[in-house]
Amino acid sequence: MKELMKSTVRCIVCNDTFDIMVNPKDLNRWAEGELIEDALDYLTADERELLLSGTCGSCWDTLFPDAEE
């Protein structure tokens, strides 16, 4: 069983905080160059984006609306 820790990340746009449960070993794999979608495949796309860019899913959707909408 993977040991998970809570990582609190603040969105740089709305300033809300989000708790993401991650395995520290997986964070290290990502930090060492593994693709985030491989190292942290159990996170949602929104959670991975929050780690990558500091932008939550809601703000991302507002900043970059889908062309089909």
C-alpha atoms as a PDB file:
ATOM      1  CA  MET A   1       0.000   0.000   0.000  1.00  0.00           C
ATOM      2  CA  LYS A   2       1.289   3.447  -0.911  1.00  0.00           C
ATOM      3  CA  GLU A   3       1.902   5.930   1.888  1.00  0.00           C
ATOM      4  CA  LEU A   4       0.114   9.127   1.049  1.00  0.00           C
ATOM      5  CA  MET A   5       0.698  12.566   2.500  1.00  0.00           C
ATOM      6  CA  LYS A   6      -1.423  15.670   2.242  1.00  0.00           C
ATOM      7  CA  SER A   7       0.034  18.403   0.080  1.00  0.00           C
ATOM      8  CA  THR A   8      -1.736  21.762   0.271  1.00  0.00           C
ATOM      9  CA  VAL A   9      -1.482  23.837  -2.900  1.00  0.00           C
ATOM     10  CA  ARG A  10      -2.746  27.402  -3.385  1.00  0.00           C
ATOM     11  CA  CYS A  11      -4.155  28.503  -6.733  1.00  0.00           C
ATOM     12  CA  ILE A  12      -2.225  31.521  -8.021  1.00  0.00           C
ATOM     13  CA  VAL A  13      -5.387  32.948  -9.624  1.00  0.00           C
ATOM     14  CA  CYS A  14      -8.178  32.655  -7.040  1.00  0.00           C
ATOM     15  CA  ASN A  15      -5.978  32.102  -3.962  1.00  0.00           C
ATOM     16  CA  ASP A  16      -8.058  29.089  -2.836  1.00  0.00           C
ATOM     17  CA  THR A  17      -6.180  26.194  -1.261  1.00  0.00           C
ATOM     18  CA  PHE A  18      -6.563  22.565  -2.239  1.00  0.00           C
ATOM     19  CA  ASP A  19      -5.429  19.423  -0.423  1.00  0.00           C
ATOM     20  CA  ILE A  20      -3.957  16.753  -2.678  1.00  0.00           C
ATOM     21  CA  MET A  21      -3.016  13.319  -1.362  1.00  0.00           C
ATOM     22  CA  VAL A  22       0.265  12.165  -2.900  1.00  0.00           C
ATOM     23  CA  ASN A  23       2.956   9.582  -2.338  1.00  0.00           C
ATOM     24  CA  PRO A  24       6.240  11.429  -1.626  1.00  0.00           C
ATOM     25  CA  LYS A  25       8.138   8.835  -3.678  1.00  0.00           C
ATOM     26  CA  ASP A  26       5.935   9.644  -6.669  1.00  0.00           C
ATOM     27  CA  LEU A  27       6.563  13.371  -6.224  1.00  0.00           C
ATOM     28  CA  ASN A  28      10.263  12.605  -6.251  1.00  0.00           C
ATOM     29  CA  ARG A  29       9.905  10.570  -9.454  1.00  0.00           C
ATOM     30  CA  TRP A  30       8.219  13.573 -11.063  1.00  0.00           C
ATOM     31  CA  ALA A  31      10.888  15.953  -9.710  1.00  0.00           C
ATOM     32  CA  GLU A  32      13.562  13.719 -11.236  1.00  0.00           C
ATOM     33  CA  GLY A  33      12.031  14.052 -14.686  1.00  0.00           C
ATOM     34  CA  GLU A  34       9.308  11.447 -15.029  1.00  0.00           C
ATOM     35  CA  LEU A  35       6.163  12.729 -16.723  1.00  0.00           C
ATOM     36  CA  ILE A  36       3.619  13.863 -14.146  1.00  0.00           C
ATOM     37  CA  GLU A  37       0.876  11.762 -15.760  1.00  0.00           C
ATOM     38  CA  ASP A  38       3.037   8.677 -15.253  1.00  0.00           C
ATOM     39  CA  ALA A  39       4.453   9.432 -11.803  1.00  0.00           C
ATOM     40  CA  LEU A  40       1.144  10.680 -10.371  1.00  0.00           C
ATOM     41  CA  ASP A  41      -1.337   8.759 -12.521  1.00  0.00           C
ATOM     42  CA  TYR A  42      -3.795   8.408  -9.623  1.00  0.00           C
ATOM     43  CA  LEU A  43      -4.386  12.181  -9.490  1.00  0.00           C
ATOM     44  CA  THR A  44      -7.039  13.877 -11.592  1.00  0.00           C
ATOM     45  CA  ALA A  45      -6.015  16.066 -14.515  1.00  0.00           C
ATOM     46  CA  ASP A  46      -7.057  19.123 -12.463  1.00  0.00           C
ATOM     47  CA  GLU A  47      -4.879  18.061  -9.527  1.00  0.00           C
ATOM     48  CA  ARG A  48      -1.882  17.507 -11.805  1.00  0.00           C
ATOM     49  CA  GLU A  49      -2.416  20.905 -13.442  1.00  0.00           C
ATOM     50  CA  LEU A  50      -2.549  22.541 -10.024  1.00  0.00           C
ATOM     51  CA  LEU A  51       0.846  21.033  -9.237  1.00  0.00           C
ATOM     52  CA  LEU A  52       2.264  21.986 -12.641  1.00  0.00           C
ATOM     53  CA  SER A  53       1.024  25.539 -13.082  1.00  0.00           C
ATOM     54  CA  GLY A  54      -0.470  26.506  -9.737  1.00  0.00           C
ATOM     55  CA  THR A  55      -3.849  26.995 -11.392  1.00  0.00           C
ATOM     56  CA  CYS A  56      -6.967  25.170 -10.152  1.00  0.00           C
ATOM     57  CA  GLY A  57      -9.348  23.517 -12.603  1.00  0.00           C
ATOM     58  CA  SER A  58     -12.047  26.161 -12.277  1.00  0.00           C
ATOM     59  CA  CYS A  59      -9.643  29.032 -12.925  1.00  0.00           C
ATOM     60  CA  TRP A  60      -8.016  27.108 -15.780  1.00  0.00           C
ATOM     61  CA  ASP A  61     -11.415  26.700 -17.441  1.00  0.00           C
ATOM     62  CA  THR A  62     -12.107  30.424 -17.030  1.00  0.00           C
ATOM     63  CA  LEU A  63      -8.703  31.435 -18.399  1.00  0.00           C
ATOM     64  CA  PHE A  64      -8.754  28.945 -21.268  1.00  0.00           C
ATOM     65  CA  PRO A  65     -12.388  28.218 -22.239  1.00  0.00           C
ATOM     66  CA  ASP A  66     -12.982  25.260 -24.509  1.00  0.00           C
ATOM     67  CA  ALA A  67     -13.320  26.406 -28.113  1.00  0.00           C
ATOM     68  CA  GLU A  68     -16.428  24.217 -28.503  1.00  0.00           C
ATOM     69  CA  GLU A  69     -18.367  25.993 -25.735  1.00  0.00           C
END
